[in-house]
Amino acid sequence: MRQRGRRGRIFAIKWGMNPNSSSLGVDVTFLLVGATALAIVTPVIGALLRWRSNKPVAAVDDKP
């Protein structure tokens, strides 16, 4: 059998542009995560605003 050599280790991960590869993968990933978060948060905020505005208000008699 063939013996495997030692595999390399990851010492650090740096966010940002890598001049040796395309950063499109990172951009698309963050775009998808951001769009998902926005899609989840938007209906929650809308429901809170609607719930807050539907509270009963005391009737005001404006007749002189």
N, C-alpha and C. Protein backbone atom coordinates (compact mmCIF):
# COMPACT_ATOMS: atom_id res chain seq x y z
N MET A 1 0.83 -1.18 0.00
CA MET A 1 0.00 0.00 0.00
C MET A 1 0.88 1.25 0.00
N ARG A 2 0.28 2.29 -0.57
CA ARG A 2 0.99 3.57 -0.57
C ARG A 2 0.81 4.27 0.76
N GLN A 3 1.86 4.85 1.21
CA GLN A 3 1.79 5.57 2.47
C GLN A 3 1.52 7.05 2.18
N ARG A 4 0.60 7.60 2.90
CA ARG A 4 0.24 9.00 2.68
C ARG A 4 1.25 9.90 3.38
N GLY A 5 1.59 10.99 2.73
CA GLY A 5 2.46 11.99 3.34
C GLY A 5 1.67 12.84 4.32
N ARG A 6 2.37 13.65 5.07
CA ARG A 6 1.68 14.52 6.02
C ARG A 6 0.88 15.57 5.27
N ARG A 7 -0.31 15.79 5.73
CA ARG A 7 -1.16 16.79 5.09
C ARG A 7 -0.89 18.15 5.71
N GLY A 8 -1.11 19.17 4.94
CA GLY A 8 -0.91 20.53 5.43
C GLY A 8 -1.97 20.92 6.44
N ARG A 9 -1.68 21.92 7.23
CA ARG A 9 -2.62 22.41 8.23
C ARG A 9 -3.00 23.85 7.90
N ILE A 10 -4.18 24.22 8.33
CA ILE A 10 -4.64 25.60 8.15
C ILE A 10 -4.24 26.36 9.41
N PHE A 11 -3.43 27.38 9.23
CA PHE A 11 -2.98 28.17 10.37
C PHE A 11 -3.87 29.37 10.64
N ALA A 12 -4.45 29.95 9.60
CA ALA A 12 -5.29 31.13 9.78
C ALA A 12 -6.22 31.28 8.59
N ILE A 13 -7.32 31.95 8.82
CA ILE A 13 -8.27 32.27 7.75
C ILE A 13 -8.37 33.78 7.71
N LYS A 14 -8.13 34.36 6.55
CA LYS A 14 -8.23 35.81 6.40
C LYS A 14 -9.40 36.11 5.48
N TRP A 15 -10.30 37.00 5.94
CA TRP A 15 -11.40 37.43 5.11
C TRP A 15 -10.92 38.54 4.19
N GLY A 16 -11.43 38.55 3.00
CA GLY A 16 -11.07 39.61 2.08
C GLY A 16 -10.68 39.04 0.73
N MET A 17 -10.07 39.86 -0.07
CA MET A 17 -9.72 39.44 -1.43
C MET A 17 -8.40 38.68 -1.43
N ASN A 18 -8.39 37.62 -2.15
CA ASN A 18 -7.18 36.83 -2.35
C ASN A 18 -6.74 37.07 -3.79
N PRO A 19 -5.57 37.62 -4.02
CA PRO A 19 -5.16 37.92 -5.39
C PRO A 19 -4.96 36.68 -6.25
N ASN A 20 -4.87 35.52 -5.62
CA ASN A 20 -4.62 34.30 -6.38
C ASN A 20 -5.90 33.58 -6.78
N SER A 21 -7.04 34.04 -6.30
CA SER A 21 -8.29 33.38 -6.66
C SER A 21 -9.41 34.40 -6.72
N SER A 22 -10.53 33.97 -7.22
CA SER A 22 -11.68 34.86 -7.36
C SER A 22 -12.37 35.02 -6.01
N SER A 23 -12.76 36.23 -5.69
CA SER A 23 -13.49 36.48 -4.45
C SER A 23 -15.00 36.40 -4.70
N LEU A 24 -15.40 35.98 -5.88
CA LEU A 24 -16.82 35.92 -6.21
C LEU A 24 -17.55 34.94 -5.30
N GLY A 25 -16.93 33.84 -4.93
CA GLY A 25 -17.57 32.87 -4.05
C GLY A 25 -17.93 33.46 -2.71
N VAL A 26 -17.04 34.25 -2.16
CA VAL A 26 -17.30 34.89 -0.86
C VAL A 26 -18.38 35.95 -1.03
N ASP A 27 -18.33 36.72 -2.11
CA ASP A 27 -19.34 37.76 -2.33
C ASP A 27 -20.73 37.14 -2.47
N VAL A 28 -20.84 36.08 -3.23
CA VAL A 28 -22.14 35.43 -3.44
C VAL A 28 -22.65 34.83 -2.14
N THR A 29 -21.76 34.25 -1.36
CA THR A 29 -22.15 33.66 -0.08
C THR A 29 -22.73 34.73 0.84
N PHE A 30 -22.04 35.86 0.99
CA PHE A 30 -22.54 36.91 1.86
C PHE A 30 -23.82 37.52 1.30
N LEU A 31 -23.94 37.59 -0.01
CA LEU A 31 -25.17 38.10 -0.62
C LEU A 31 -26.35 37.19 -0.29
N LEU A 32 -26.14 35.88 -0.39
CA LEU A 32 -27.22 34.93 -0.07
C LEU A 32 -27.58 34.96 1.41
N VAL A 33 -26.58 35.04 2.27
CA VAL A 33 -26.84 35.09 3.72
C VAL A 33 -27.59 36.38 4.06
N GLY A 34 -27.16 37.49 3.48
CA GLY A 34 -27.82 38.76 3.74
C GLY A 34 -29.25 38.78 3.24
N ALA A 35 -29.48 38.24 2.04
CA ALA A 35 -30.83 38.19 1.48
C ALA A 35 -31.73 37.29 2.32
N THR A 36 -31.20 36.20 2.81
CA THR A 36 -31.98 35.30 3.66
C THR A 36 -32.35 35.98 4.97
N ALA A 37 -31.39 36.66 5.58
CA ALA A 37 -31.66 37.37 6.83
C ALA A 37 -32.70 38.46 6.61
N LEU A 38 -32.59 39.18 5.52
CA LEU A 38 -33.56 40.24 5.22
C LEU A 38 -34.95 39.65 4.98
N ALA A 39 -35.01 38.50 4.30
CA ALA A 39 -36.30 37.86 4.03
C ALA A 39 -36.96 37.36 5.31
N ILE A 40 -36.16 37.03 6.31
CA ILE A 40 -36.71 36.56 7.58
C ILE A 40 -37.14 37.74 8.45
N VAL A 41 -36.35 38.80 8.46
CA VAL A 41 -36.60 39.93 9.35
C VAL A 41 -37.75 40.82 8.85
N THR A 42 -37.90 40.97 7.54
CA THR A 42 -38.90 41.88 6.99
C THR A 42 -40.34 41.54 7.43
N PRO A 43 -40.79 40.29 7.31
CA PRO A 43 -42.17 40.00 7.78
C PRO A 43 -42.34 40.18 9.29
N VAL A 44 -41.29 39.93 10.05
CA VAL A 44 -41.38 40.11 11.50
C VAL A 44 -41.58 41.59 11.83
N ILE A 45 -40.81 42.45 11.18
CA ILE A 45 -40.96 43.89 11.42
C ILE A 45 -42.33 44.36 10.95
N GLY A 46 -42.79 43.88 9.81
CA GLY A 46 -44.12 44.24 9.32
C GLY A 46 -45.22 43.81 10.26
N ALA A 47 -45.09 42.60 10.82
CA ALA A 47 -46.10 42.11 11.76
C ALA A 47 -46.09 42.94 13.04
N LEU A 48 -44.91 43.32 13.51
CA LEU A 48 -44.84 44.15 14.72
C LEU A 48 -45.46 45.52 14.47
N LEU A 49 -45.19 46.12 13.32
CA LEU A 49 -45.76 47.42 13.01
C LEU A 49 -47.28 47.34 12.86
N ARG A 50 -47.76 46.29 12.23
CA ARG A 50 -49.21 46.13 12.05
C ARG A 50 -49.88 45.89 13.41
N TRP A 51 -49.27 45.07 14.24
CA TRP A 51 -49.83 44.77 15.56
C TRP A 51 -49.88 46.04 16.41
N ARG A 52 -48.86 46.86 16.29
CA ARG A 52 -48.79 48.09 17.07
C ARG A 52 -49.82 49.12 16.58
N SER A 53 -50.07 49.17 15.28
CA SER A 53 -50.99 50.18 14.75
C SER A 53 -52.46 49.74 14.87
N ASN A 54 -52.74 48.48 15.15
CA ASN A 54 -54.12 48.00 15.25
C ASN A 54 -54.68 48.07 16.66
N LYS A 55 -53.96 48.70 17.58
CA LYS A 55 -54.49 48.83 18.93
C LYS A 55 -55.68 49.79 18.91
N PRO A 56 -56.71 49.50 19.69
CA PRO A 56 -57.89 50.39 19.70
C PRO A 56 -57.55 51.77 20.25
N VAL A 57 -58.14 52.76 19.63
CA VAL A 57 -57.93 54.15 20.03
C VAL A 57 -59.25 54.69 20.56
N ALA A 58 -59.18 55.48 21.61
CA ALA A 58 -60.38 56.04 22.20
C ALA A 58 -61.09 56.95 21.20
N ALA A 59 -62.38 56.84 21.11
CA ALA A 59 -63.15 57.65 20.16
C ALA A 59 -63.18 59.10 20.63
N VAL A 60 -63.01 60.00 19.68
CA VAL A 60 -63.02 61.44 19.98
C VAL A 60 -64.26 62.03 19.35
N ASP A 61 -65.05 62.78 20.16
CA ASP A 61 -66.25 63.40 19.66
C ASP A 61 -65.92 64.81 19.18
N ASP A 62 -65.94 65.03 17.86
CA ASP A 62 -65.58 66.32 17.28
C ASP A 62 -66.80 67.19 17.00
N LYS A 63 -67.98 66.78 17.37
CA LYS A 63 -69.19 67.55 17.06
C LYS A 63 -69.29 68.75 18.00
N PRO A 64 -69.62 69.94 17.47
CA PRO A 64 -69.74 71.14 18.33
C PRO A 64 -71.04 71.20 19.10
